C-alpha atoms as a PDB file:
ATOM      1  CA  MET A   1       5.582  11.444  15.547  1.00  0.00           C
ATOM      2  CA  ASP A   2       8.031   9.449  17.739  1.00  0.00           C
ATOM      3  CA  ARG A   3      11.169   8.302  15.505  1.00  0.00           C
ATOM      4  CA  ASP A   4      11.236   4.548  17.153  1.00  0.00           C
ATOM      5  CA  LEU A   5       7.631   4.310  16.174  1.00  0.00           C
ATOM      6  CA  GLY A   6       8.453   2.718  12.824  1.00  0.00           C
ATOM      7  CA  ILE A   7      10.055   0.152  13.849  1.00  0.00           C
ATOM      8  CA  ASN A   8       7.088  -0.755  16.146  1.00  0.00           C
ATOM      9  CA  LEU A   9       5.091  -0.578  12.926  1.00  0.00           C
ATOM     10  CA  CYS A  10       7.198  -2.893  11.600  1.00  0.00           C
ATOM     11  CA  ARG A  11       6.843  -5.466  14.235  1.00  0.00           C
ATOM     12  CA  VAL A  12       2.588  -5.174  13.494  1.00  0.00           C
ATOM     13  CA  THR A  13       3.216  -5.812  10.187  1.00  0.00           C
ATOM     14  CA  GLU A  14       5.450  -8.774  10.689  1.00  0.00           C
ATOM     15  CA  ALA A  15       2.675 -10.267  12.938  1.00  0.00           C
ATOM     16  CA  ALA A  16       0.263 -10.349  10.495  1.00  0.00           C
ATOM     17  CA  ALA A  17       2.437 -11.660   7.671  1.00  0.00           C
ATOM     18  CA  LEU A  18       3.923 -14.501   9.911  1.00  0.00           C
ATOM     19  CA  GLY A  19       0.417 -15.276  10.462  1.00  0.00           C
ATOM     20  CA  SER A  20      -1.396 -15.370   7.448  1.00  0.00           C
ATOM     21  CA  GLY A  21       1.927 -16.927   5.593  1.00  0.00           C
ATOM     22  CA  LYS A  22       1.133 -20.357   6.696  1.00  0.00           C
ATOM     23  CA  TYR A  23      -1.790 -20.277   4.234  1.00  0.00           C
ATOM     24  CA  LEU A  24       0.113 -19.626   1.117  1.00  0.00           C
ATOM     25  CA  GLY A  25      -1.110 -21.112  -2.161  1.00  0.00           C
ATOM     26  CA  GLN A  26      -4.210 -22.998   0.467  1.00  0.00           C
ATOM     27  CA  GLY A  27      -7.327 -20.621  -1.028  1.00  0.00           C
ATOM     28  CA  LYS A  28      -8.185 -19.750   2.079  1.00  0.00           C
ATOM     29  CA  LYS A  29      -7.985 -15.703   1.015  1.00  0.00           C
ATOM     30  CA  ASN A  30     -10.967 -14.835   3.761  1.00  0.00           C
ATOM     31  CA  TYR A  31      -9.678 -17.040   6.447  1.00  0.00           C
ATOM     32  CA  SER A  32      -5.836 -15.629   5.664  1.00  0.00           C
ATOM     33  CA  ASP A  33      -7.176 -12.230   5.804  1.00  0.00           C
ATOM     34  CA  ASN A  34      -9.123 -12.961   9.356  1.00  0.00           C
ATOM     35  CA  ILE A  35      -5.799 -14.215  10.914  1.00  0.00           C
ATOM     36  CA  ALA A  36      -3.793 -11.357   9.817  1.00  0.00           C
ATOM     37  CA  VAL A  37      -5.922  -8.846  11.056  1.00  0.00           C
ATOM     38  CA  ASP A  38      -6.052 -10.124  14.431  1.00  0.00           C
ATOM     39  CA  GLN A  39      -2.664 -10.978  14.689  1.00  0.00           C
ATOM     40  CA  MET A  40      -1.964  -7.167  13.484  1.00  0.00           C
ATOM     41  CA  ARG A  41      -4.391  -5.996  15.892  1.00  0.00           C
ATOM     42  CA  ALA A  42      -3.371  -8.181  19.132  1.00  0.00           C
ATOM     43  CA  MET A  43       0.287  -6.533  18.047  1.00  0.00           C
ATOM     44  CA  PHE A  44      -0.987  -2.898  17.908  1.00  0.00           C
ATOM     45  CA  SER A  45      -2.440  -3.029  21.893  1.00  0.00           C
ATOM     46  CA  TYR A  46       1.310  -3.003  22.669  1.00  0.00           C
ATOM     47  CA  LEU A  47       2.388  -0.037  20.574  1.00  0.00           C
ATOM     48  CA  ASP A  48       1.962   3.165  22.801  1.00  0.00           C
ATOM     49  CA  ILE A  49       0.036   5.897  20.698  1.00  0.00           C
ATOM     50  CA  ASN A  50      -3.216   7.404  20.308  1.00  0.00           C
ATOM     51  CA  GLY A  51      -4.159   6.339  16.976  1.00  0.00           C
ATOM     52  CA  LYS A  52      -7.537   6.385  14.951  1.00  0.00           C
ATOM     53  CA  VAL A  53      -8.218   4.087  11.586  1.00  0.00           C
ATOM     54  CA  VAL A  54      -8.924   5.973   8.914  1.00  0.00           C
ATOM     55  CA  ILE A  55      -8.323   3.285   6.275  1.00  0.00           C
ATOM     56  CA  GLY A  56      -9.124   0.035   7.413  1.00  0.00           C
ATOM     57  CA  GLU A  57     -11.442  -2.988   6.959  1.00  0.00           C
ATOM     58  CA  GLY A  58     -14.438  -1.381   6.198  1.00  0.00           C
ATOM     59  CA  GLU A  59     -16.873   0.295   8.204  1.00  0.00           C
ATOM     60  CA  ILE A  60     -17.917  -0.907  11.868  1.00  0.00           C
ATOM     61  CA  ASP A  61     -20.699  -2.918  10.500  1.00  0.00           C
ATOM     62  CA  GLU A  62     -18.543  -4.662   8.197  1.00  0.00           C
ATOM     63  CA  ALA A  63     -15.565  -5.433  10.186  1.00  0.00           C
ATOM     64  CA  PRO A  64     -14.859  -6.592  13.697  1.00  0.00           C
ATOM     65  CA  MET A  65     -11.783  -5.173  14.315  1.00  0.00           C
ATOM     66  CA  LEU A  66      -9.618  -2.309  12.608  1.00  0.00           C
ATOM     67  CA  TYR A  67     -12.421  -0.436  10.978  1.00  0.00           C
ATOM     68  CA  ILE A  68     -12.546   3.030   9.731  1.00  0.00           C
ATOM     69  CA  GLY A  69     -13.153   5.226  12.988  1.00  0.00           C
ATOM     70  CA  GLU A  70     -11.472   2.256  15.453  1.00  0.00           C
ATOM     71  CA  GLN A  71      -9.312   3.869  18.345  1.00  0.00           C
ATOM     72  CA  ILE A  72      -6.037   2.049  19.002  1.00  0.00           C
ATOM     73  CA  GLY A  73      -4.058   1.829  21.488  1.00  0.00           C
ATOM     74  CA  ASP A  74      -3.803   4.414  24.853  1.00  0.00           C
ATOM     75  CA  PRO A  75      -6.133   7.628  24.589  1.00  0.00           C
ATOM     76  CA  ASP A  76      -3.714   9.464  27.003  1.00  0.00           C
ATOM     77  CA  ALA A  77      -0.618   8.830  24.597  1.00  0.00           C
ATOM     78  CA  PRO A  78       0.846  11.988  23.196  1.00  0.00           C
ATOM     79  CA  ASN A  79       1.182  10.618  19.857  1.00  0.00           C
ATOM     80  CA  GLN A  80      -1.948  11.292  18.438  1.00  0.00           C
ATOM     81  CA  VAL A  81      -2.348  10.023  14.821  1.00  0.00           C
ATOM     82  CA  ASP A  82      -4.165   8.562  11.996  1.00  0.00           C
ATOM     83  CA  ILE A  83      -3.602   4.530  11.243  1.00  0.00           C
ATOM     84  CA  ALA A  84      -4.281   3.769   7.736  1.00  0.00           C
ATOM     85  CA  VAL A  85      -3.722  -0.302   7.358  1.00  0.00           C
ATOM     86  CA  ASP A  86      -4.027  -3.295   4.936  1.00  0.00           C
ATOM     87  CA  PRO A  87      -3.457  -6.941   6.956  1.00  0.00           C
ATOM     88  CA  ILE A  88      -2.849  -8.457   3.144  1.00  0.00           C
ATOM     89  CA  ASP A  89      -2.699  -6.385  -0.177  1.00  0.00           C
ATOM     90  CA  GLY A  90      -3.069  -8.969  -2.457  1.00  0.00           C
ATOM     91  CA  THR A  91      -5.441 -11.589  -0.703  1.00  0.00           C
ATOM     92  CA  THR A  92      -5.531 -13.708  -3.681  1.00  0.00           C
ATOM     93  CA  SER A  93      -2.013 -13.669  -4.640  1.00  0.00           C
ATOM     94  CA  LEU A  94      -1.582 -15.224  -1.262  1.00  0.00           C
ATOM     95  CA  ALA A  95      -4.544 -17.796  -1.772  1.00  0.00           C
ATOM     96  CA  ASN A  96      -2.845 -18.514  -4.769  1.00  0.00           C
ATOM     97  CA  GLY A  97       0.731 -19.000  -4.167  1.00  0.00           C
ATOM     98  CA  THR A  98       1.429 -15.857  -6.163  1.00  0.00           C
ATOM     99  CA  SER A  99       3.548 -13.020  -5.956  1.00  0.00           C
ATOM    100  CA  ASN A 100       3.437  -9.784  -4.307  1.00  0.00           C
ATOM    101  CA  SER A 101       1.085  -9.906  -1.268  1.00  0.00           C
ATOM    102  CA  ILE A 102       2.309  -7.628   1.794  1.00  0.00           C
ATOM    103  CA  SER A 103       0.589  -6.400   4.805  1.00  0.00           C
ATOM    104  CA  VAL A 104       1.204  -2.433   5.178  1.00  0.00           C
ATOM    105  CA  ILE A 105       0.457   0.302   7.175  1.00  0.00           C
ATOM    106  CA  ALA A 106       0.615   3.940   6.714  1.00  0.00           C
ATOM    107  CA  VAL A 107       0.886   6.207   9.793  1.00  0.00           C
ATOM    108  CA  ALA A 108       0.491  10.468   9.975  1.00  0.00           C
ATOM    109  CA  PRO A 109      -0.297  13.108  12.587  1.00  0.00           C
ATOM    110  CA  GLU A 110      -3.944  13.581  13.309  1.00  0.00           C
ATOM    111  CA  GLY A 111      -5.699  14.768  10.189  1.00  0.00           C
ATOM    112  CA  CYS A 112      -2.810  14.075   7.831  1.00  0.00           C
ATOM    113  CA  LEU A 113      -4.135  10.878   6.179  1.00  0.00           C
ATOM    114  CA  LEU A 114      -7.409  11.185   3.685  1.00  0.00           C
ATOM    115  CA  ASN A 115     -10.325   9.020   5.125  1.00  0.00           C
ATOM    116  CA  ALA A 116     -11.061   6.785   1.964  1.00  0.00           C
ATOM    117  CA  PRO A 117     -13.901   5.105   0.898  1.00  0.00           C
ATOM    118  CA  ASP A 118     -13.930   1.719  -0.200  1.00  0.00           C
ATOM    119  CA  VAL A 119     -14.091   2.574  -3.823  1.00  0.00           C
ATOM    120  CA  TYR A 120     -12.685   2.426  -7.516  1.00  0.00           C
ATOM    121  CA  MET A 121      -9.871   5.263  -8.275  1.00  0.00           C
ATOM    122  CA  LYS A 122      -8.276   5.888 -11.095  1.00  0.00           C
ATOM    123  CA  LYS A 123      -4.570   6.253 -10.269  1.00  0.00           C
ATOM    124  CA  ILE A 124      -1.063   7.059 -11.845  1.00  0.00           C
ATOM    125  CA  ALA A 125       2.081   6.908 -10.302  1.00  0.00           C
ATOM    126  CA  ALA A 126       5.810   7.625 -10.846  1.00  0.00           C
ATOM    127  CA  GLY A 127       9.110   7.820  -9.284  1.00  0.00           C
ATOM    128  CA  PRO A 128      11.420  11.429  -7.869  1.00  0.00           C
ATOM    129  CA  LEU A 129      12.871  12.419 -11.429  1.00  0.00           C
ATOM    130  CA  THR A 130       9.276  12.958 -12.443  1.00  0.00           C
ATOM    131  CA  LYS A 131       7.644  14.602  -9.931  1.00  0.00           C
ATOM    132  CA  GLY A 132       5.345  17.020 -11.340  1.00  0.00           C
ATOM    133  CA  LYS A 133       5.623  15.341 -15.186  1.00  0.00           C
ATOM    134  CA  ILE A 134       2.515  13.026 -14.529  1.00  0.00           C
ATOM    135  CA  ASP A 135      -1.183  14.527 -15.468  1.00  0.00           C
ATOM    136  CA  ILE A 136      -4.075  11.799 -14.763  1.00  0.00           C
ATOM    137  CA  ASN A 137      -5.830  14.232 -17.158  1.00  0.00           C
ATOM    138  CA  LYS A 138      -3.285  14.062 -20.001  1.00  0.00           C
ATOM    139  CA  PRO A 139      -3.544  11.210 -23.031  1.00  0.00           C
ATOM    140  CA  VAL A 140      -1.785   7.903 -21.875  1.00  0.00           C
ATOM    141  CA  LYS A 141       0.730   8.725 -24.833  1.00  0.00           C
ATOM    142  CA  GLU A 142       1.706  12.199 -23.305  1.00  0.00           C
ATOM    143  CA  ASN A 143       2.586  10.908 -19.789  1.00  0.00           C
ATOM    144  CA  ILE A 144       4.334   8.136 -21.385  1.00  0.00           C
ATOM    145  CA  GLU A 145       6.416  10.792 -22.975  1.00  0.00           C
ATOM    146  CA  ASN A 146       7.039  12.662 -20.412  1.00  0.00           C
ATOM    147  CA  VAL A 147       8.365  10.514 -18.123  1.00  0.00           C
ATOM    148  CA  ALA A 148      10.642   9.105 -21.053  1.00  0.00           C
ATOM    149  CA  LYS A 149      12.289  12.631 -21.203  1.00  0.00           C
ATOM    150  CA  ALA A 150      12.099  13.072 -17.489  1.00  0.00           C
ATOM    151  CA  LEU A 151      14.197   9.802 -16.916  1.00  0.00           C
ATOM    152  CA  GLY A 152      16.032  10.009 -19.828  1.00  0.00           C
ATOM    153  CA  LYS A 153      14.807   6.986 -21.884  1.00  0.00           C
ATOM    154  CA  LYS A 154      13.839   6.260 -24.894  1.00  0.00           C
ATOM    155  CA  ILE A 155       9.657   5.578 -25.080  1.00  0.00           C
ATOM    156  CA  GLY A 156      10.493   1.611 -25.506  1.00  0.00           C
ATOM    157  CA  ASP A 157      12.281   1.451 -22.833  1.00  0.00           C
ATOM    158  CA  VAL A 158       9.590   2.785 -20.032  1.00  0.00           C
ATOM    159  CA  THR A 159       7.822   0.275 -18.472  1.00  0.00           C
ATOM    160  CA  VAL A 160       4.459   0.792 -17.286  1.00  0.00           C
ATOM    161  CA  SER A 161       2.886  -1.685 -14.655  1.00  0.00           C
ATOM    162  CA  VAL A 162      -0.975  -2.115 -14.804  1.00  0.00           C
ATOM    163  CA  LEU A 163      -3.393  -4.738 -12.970  1.00  0.00           C
ATOM    164  CA  HIS A 164      -4.053  -7.240 -14.829  1.00  0.00           C
ATOM    165  CA  ARG A 165      -8.027  -6.815 -15.251  1.00  0.00           C
ATOM    166  CA  GLU A 166     -10.574  -6.800 -18.296  1.00  0.00           C
ATOM    167  CA  ARG A 167     -11.278  -2.836 -17.666  1.00  0.00           C
ATOM    168  CA  HIS A 168      -7.629  -2.284 -18.597  1.00  0.00           C
ATOM    169  CA  GLU A 169      -8.320  -3.374 -22.196  1.00  0.00           C
ATOM    170  CA  GLY A 170      -8.289  -0.085 -23.100  1.00  0.00           C
ATOM    171  CA  LEU A 171      -5.529   1.167 -21.262  1.00  0.00           C
ATOM    172  CA  VAL A 172      -3.039  -1.444 -22.443  1.00  0.00           C
ATOM    173  CA  ARG A 173      -3.715  -1.143 -26.304  1.00  0.00           C
ATOM    174  CA  GLU A 174      -2.973   2.880 -25.613  1.00  0.00           C
ATOM    175  CA  ILE A 175       0.394   1.734 -24.067  1.00  0.00           C
ATOM    176  CA  ARG A 176       1.382  -0.412 -26.634  1.00  0.00           C
ATOM    177  CA  ASP A 177       0.581   2.016 -29.068  1.00  0.00           C
ATOM    178  CA  ALA A 178       2.568   4.523 -27.453  1.00  0.00           C
ATOM    179  CA  GLY A 179       5.685   1.906 -28.008  1.00  0.00           C
ATOM    180  CA  ALA A 180       6.300   1.359 -24.312  1.00  0.00           C
ATOM    181  CA  ARG A 181       7.188  -1.751 -22.474  1.00  0.00           C
ATOM    182  CA  ILE A 182       4.204  -3.351 -20.102  1.00  0.00           C
ATOM    183  CA  SER A 183       4.204  -5.373 -16.940  1.00  0.00           C
ATOM    184  CA  MET A 184       1.368  -6.945 -15.928  1.00  0.00           C
ATOM    185  CA  VAL A 185       0.349  -7.551 -12.088  1.00  0.00           C
ATOM    186  CA  GLU A 186      -2.239  -9.900 -10.860  1.00  0.00           C
ATOM    187  CA  ASP A 187      -2.546  -8.414  -7.775  1.00  0.00           C
ATOM    188  CA  GLY A 188      -0.950  -5.798  -5.056  1.00  0.00           C
ATOM    189  CA  ASP A 189      -0.788  -2.367  -6.672  1.00  0.00           C
ATOM    190  CA  ILE A 190       0.848  -0.854  -3.322  1.00  0.00           C
ATOM    191  CA  LEU A 191       4.180  -2.446  -3.481  1.00  0.00           C
ATOM    192  CA  THR A 192       4.156  -1.543  -7.865  1.00  0.00           C
ATOM    193  CA  ALA A 193       3.942   1.685  -6.789  1.00  0.00           C
ATOM    194  CA  ILE A 194       6.152   2.018  -4.628  1.00  0.00           C
ATOM    195  CA  ALA A 195       8.611   0.142  -7.163  1.00  0.00           C
ATOM    196  CA  THR A 196       8.313   3.334  -9.601  1.00  0.00           C
ATOM    197  CA  CYS A 197      11.044   4.371  -6.745  1.00  0.00           C
ATOM    198  CA  LEU A 198      13.247   1.330  -5.933  1.00  0.00           C
ATOM    199  CA  SER A 199      13.356  -1.160  -8.485  1.00  0.00           C
ATOM    200  CA  ASN A 200      16.169   0.408 -10.781  1.00  0.00           C
ATOM    201  CA  GLY A 201      14.395   1.283 -13.641  1.00  0.00           C
ATOM    202  CA  LYS A 202      12.226  -2.316 -13.450  1.00  0.00           C
ATOM    203  CA  ILE A 203       8.750  -0.243 -13.172  1.00  0.00           C
ATOM    204  CA  ASP A 204       8.651   3.717 -14.079  1.00  0.00           C
ATOM    205  CA  LEU A 205       5.196   4.468 -14.553  1.00  0.00           C
ATOM    206  CA  ILE A 206       1.610   2.904 -12.908  1.00  0.00           C
ATOM    207  CA  MET A 207      -1.479   3.534 -14.234  1.00  0.00           C
ATOM    208  CA  GLY A 208      -4.916   2.070 -14.111  1.00  0.00           C
ATOM    209  CA  VAL A 209      -7.824   1.518 -11.898  1.00  0.00           C
ATOM    210  CA  GLY A 210      -7.490   0.277  -8.390  1.00  0.00           C
ATOM    211  CA  GLY A 211      -8.675   0.422  -4.684  1.00  0.00           C
ATOM    212  CA  ALA A 212      -9.004   4.102  -3.242  1.00  0.00           C
ATOM    213  CA  PRO A 213      -7.945   3.194   0.184  1.00  0.00           C
ATOM    214  CA  GLU A 214      -4.650   1.449  -1.665  1.00  0.00           C
ATOM    215  CA  GLY A 215      -3.997   4.508  -3.438  1.00  0.00           C
ATOM    216  CA  VAL A 216      -3.830   6.787  -0.170  1.00  0.00           C
ATOM    217  CA  ILE A 217      -1.441   3.763   1.052  1.00  0.00           C
ATOM    218  CA  ALA A 218       0.635   3.707  -1.993  1.00  0.00           C
ATOM    219  CA  ALA A 219       0.533   7.541  -1.723  1.00  0.00           C
ATOM    220  CA  ALA A 220       2.068   7.604   1.939  1.00  0.00           C
ATOM    221  CA  ALA A 221       5.121   5.381   0.639  1.00  0.00           C
ATOM    222  CA  LEU A 222       6.039   7.358  -2.554  1.00  0.00           C
ATOM    223  CA  LYS A 223       5.318  10.825  -0.197  1.00  0.00           C
ATOM    224  CA  CYS A 224       8.243   9.084   2.209  1.00  0.00           C
ATOM    225  CA  LEU A 225      10.276   8.580  -1.327  1.00  0.00           C
ATOM    226  CA  GLY A 226      10.073  11.697  -2.979  1.00  0.00           C
ATOM    227  CA  GLY A 227       7.686   9.665  -5.933  1.00  0.00           C
ATOM    228  CA  ASP A 228       4.421  11.422  -7.187  1.00  0.00           C
ATOM    229  CA  PHE A 229       1.151  10.022  -7.438  1.00  0.00           C
ATOM    230  CA  GLN A 230      -2.314  11.441  -8.551  1.00  0.00           C
ATOM    231  CA  GLY A 231      -5.768   9.748  -7.840  1.00  0.00           C
ATOM    232  CA  THR A 232      -9.369  10.553  -9.036  1.00  0.00           C
ATOM    233  CA  PHE A 233     -12.683   9.012  -7.473  1.00  0.00           C
ATOM    234  CA  ALA A 234     -13.853   6.387  -9.847  1.00  0.00           C
ATOM    235  CA  PRO A 235     -16.544   4.411  -8.088  1.00  0.00           C
ATOM    236  CA  SER A 236     -18.283   1.914 -10.153  1.00  0.00           C
ATOM    237  CA  ASP A 237     -22.117   1.584  -8.936  1.00  0.00           C
ATOM    238  CA  TYR A 238     -24.605   3.737  -7.142  1.00  0.00           C
ATOM    239  CA  LYS A 239     -24.026   1.864  -3.842  1.00  0.00           C
ATOM    240  CA  GLN A 240     -20.285   3.089  -4.315  1.00  0.00           C
ATOM    241  CA  VAL A 241     -21.323   6.776  -5.452  1.00  0.00           C
ATOM    242  CA  LYS A 242     -23.288   6.995  -1.901  1.00  0.00           C
ATOM    243  CA  ARG A 243     -20.146   5.753   0.024  1.00  0.00           C
ATOM    244  CA  CYS A 244     -18.472   8.604  -1.874  1.00  0.00           C
ATOM    245  CA  LEU A 245     -21.182  11.177  -1.483  1.00  0.00           C
ATOM    246  CA  ASN A 246     -21.399  10.246   2.257  1.00  0.00           C
ATOM    247  CA  MET A 247     -17.378  11.283   2.790  1.00  0.00           C
ATOM    248  CA  GLY A 248     -17.531  13.987   1.219  1.00  0.00           C
ATOM    249  CA  VAL A 249     -15.508  13.226  -1.874  1.00  0.00           C
ATOM    250  CA  ASP A 250     -15.303  15.360  -4.631  1.00  0.00           C
ATOM    251  CA  PHE A 251     -15.833  13.602  -8.492  1.00  0.00           C
ATOM    252  CA  ASP A 252     -14.755  15.957 -10.429  1.00  0.00           C
ATOM    253  CA  LYS A 253     -11.022  16.976  -7.905  1.00  0.00           C
ATOM    254  CA  VAL A 254      -7.585  15.575  -9.042  1.00  0.00           C
ATOM    255  CA  TYR A 255      -6.515  14.586  -5.617  1.00  0.00           C
ATOM    256  CA  ASN A 256      -2.533  14.769  -5.784  1.00  0.00           C
ATOM    257  CA  ILE A 257      -0.162  13.517  -3.286  1.00  0.00           C
ATOM    258  CA  ASP A 258      -0.613  16.800  -0.924  1.00  0.00           C
ATOM    259  CA  ASP A 259      -4.190  16.213  -0.518  1.00  0.00           C
ATOM    260  CA  LEU A 260      -4.190  11.919   0.088  1.00  0.00           C
ATOM    261  CA  VAL A 261      -1.252  12.536   2.499  1.00  0.00           C
ATOM    262  CA  LYS A 262      -0.553  15.801   4.140  1.00  0.00           C
ATOM    263  CA  GLY A 263       2.242  17.251   5.547  1.00  0.00           C
ATOM    264  CA  ASP A 264       5.623  16.045   6.262  1.00  0.00           C
ATOM    265  CA  ASP A 265       5.793  13.566   8.915  1.00  0.00           C
ATOM    266  CA  VAL A 266       4.774  10.033   7.294  1.00  0.00           C
ATOM    267  CA  ILE A 267       5.608   6.447   8.634  1.00  0.00           C
ATOM    268  CA  PHE A 268       5.133   3.691   6.222  1.00  0.00           C
ATOM    269  CA  ALA A 269       5.710   0.281   7.061  1.00  0.00           C
ATOM    270  CA  ALA A 270       5.328  -2.944   4.941  1.00  0.00           C
ATOM    271  CA  THR A 271       6.104  -7.191   5.318  1.00  0.00           C
ATOM    272  CA  GLY A 272       6.459  -9.478   2.450  1.00  0.00           C
ATOM    273  CA  ILE A 273       3.959 -12.316   2.468  1.00  0.00           C
ATOM    274  CA  THR A 274       4.675 -13.869  -0.743  1.00  0.00           C
ATOM    275  CA  ASP A 275       7.945 -12.901  -3.082  1.00  0.00           C
ATOM    276  CA  GLY A 276       7.717  -9.970  -4.430  1.00  0.00           C
ATOM    277  CA  THR A 277       8.951  -7.400  -6.481  1.00  0.00           C
ATOM    278  CA  LEU A 278      10.859  -5.717  -3.472  1.00  0.00           C
ATOM    279  CA  LEU A 279       9.946  -7.655  -0.867  1.00  0.00           C
ATOM    280  CA  LYS A 280      10.857 -11.514   0.147  1.00  0.00           C
ATOM    281  CA  GLY A 281       8.089 -13.730   1.122  1.00  0.00           C
ATOM    282  CA  VAL A 282       7.994 -15.300   4.912  1.00  0.00           C
ATOM    283  CA  SER A 283      10.093 -18.459   5.179  1.00  0.00           C
ATOM    284  CA  TYR A 284       9.317 -20.948   7.327  1.00  0.00           C
ATOM    285  CA  MET A 285      11.923 -22.653   8.927  1.00  0.00           C
ATOM    286  CA  ASN A 286      13.299 -25.518  11.008  1.00  0.00           C
ATOM    287  CA  ASN A 287      13.087 -25.235  14.865  1.00  0.00           C
ATOM    288  CA  ASN A 288       9.288 -23.495  14.329  1.00  0.00           C
ATOM    289  CA  MET A 289      11.543 -20.311  13.310  1.00  0.00           C
ATOM    290  CA  ALA A 290      10.604 -17.847  10.454  1.00  0.00           C
ATOM    291  CA  GLN A 291      12.212 -14.779   8.641  1.00  0.00           C
ATOM    292  CA  THR A 292      10.717 -11.901   7.129  1.00  0.00           C
ATOM    293  CA  HIS A 293      11.568  -9.371   4.787  1.00  0.00           C
ATOM    294  CA  SER A 294      10.638  -5.791   5.513  1.00  0.00           C
ATOM    295  CA  LEU A 295      10.693  -2.243   4.155  1.00  0.00           C
ATOM    296  CA  LEU A 296      10.197   0.951   6.757  1.00  0.00           C
ATOM    297  CA  LEU A 297      10.148   4.297   5.193  1.00  0.00           C
ATOM    298  CA  ARG A 298      10.509   7.976   6.919  1.00  0.00           C
ATOM    299  CA  LEU A 299       9.693  11.103   6.059  1.00  0.00           C
ATOM    300  CA  PRO A 300      10.764  13.610   6.862  1.00  0.00           C
ATOM    301  CA  SER A 301      14.206  11.903   7.203  1.00  0.00           C
ATOM    302  CA  GLY A 302      13.780  10.113   3.790  1.00  0.00           C
ATOM    303  CA  THR A 303      14.853   7.353   5.034  1.00  0.00           C
ATOM    304  CA  ILE A 304      14.840   4.137   3.735  1.00  0.00           C
ATOM    305  CA  ARG A 305      15.343   0.534   5.947  1.00  0.00           C
ATOM    306  CA  TYR A 306      15.407  -3.302   4.909  1.00  0.00           C
ATOM    307  CA  ILE A 307      14.560  -5.434   7.497  1.00  0.00           C
ATOM    308  CA  ASP A 308      15.689  -8.897   7.659  1.00  0.00           C
ATOM    309  CA  SER A 309      14.428 -10.790  10.642  1.00  0.00           C
ATOM    310  CA  ILE A 310      14.613 -14.081  12.185  1.00  0.00           C
ATOM    311  CA  HIS A 311      11.747 -15.139  14.655  1.00  0.00           C
ATOM    312  CA  LYS A 312      11.686 -17.940  17.142  1.00  0.00           C
ATOM    313  CA  LEU A 313       7.690 -18.553  17.163  1.00  0.00           C
ATOM    314  CA  ASP A 314       7.508 -20.604  20.823  1.00  0.00           C
ATOM    315  CA  GLN A 315       9.161 -17.803  22.222  1.00  0.00           C
ATOM    316  CA  LYS A 316       6.098 -15.208  20.449  1.00  0.00           C
ATOM    317  CA  LEU A 317       3.799 -17.364  22.207  1.00  0.00           C
ATOM    318  CA  ASP A 318       5.129 -17.411  25.782  1.00  0.00           C
ATOM    319  CA  GLN A 319       4.998 -14.003  25.143  1.00  0.00           C
ATOM    320  CA  LYS A 320       1.211 -14.359  24.745  1.00  0.00           C
END
């Protein structure tokens, strides 16, 4: 893929963040998500790519834009790619004015990103030093012990990130019984997965059940960073089971990072909407200006870029 594509993908996530960030704490969950979708889709029209959405806002009958299977860009462009998007990962966080809401994209060559159904997935993820040391089928305590050994930490110094959900009560008990620390997050497990690689030891491991599409996007970022990820599909009702069967999901399979993201050519971009673990949220300044903070990752180079941008919003409107 064109190495310049990454900067343009940041422009797409910036547009979604700038549009939706205005509704911080206003309780407008669906409205802000619609704004992010509109802004992201509009910015895609400026990119010289031939893309297909493999992870997006839902099926064609559920979403008017960025739906699964939608063709993006120029069909005659040379860069044929899979696109995984989440205009807002953490809509509840944005609506409530809390942390870790981001706009995010992952792009890889055609056929390289798993077309994951919008169902639950059991996940485990960790950073580069623990690659090959985690196993989703092993007991919680054993995984924590293996991560501690790989990191040269005491078990009591290992921090496990878990989504604050009722379904995780048993998992939390097991982590506490193992003696590890727990960092609860209210929303946004993509960013916390990335934190296993970039938080300087504040997050060592993530465990629990979250969205499968978010799992694929997180795996794309972790692959760029040399981290590790495993997931098993965990549909919660018959409707989700049916969706999995229609998309060829193997319920007995452990999907590792190379199953979710094939090959070694991946670009990941994210822009903070609210302040979070790794990214600052959008700041709206005087004279109708705004500041964004983005993360750009690329494989095979392994480059990690943090991008601070100042936007003159009047000029952006004039350009449209």
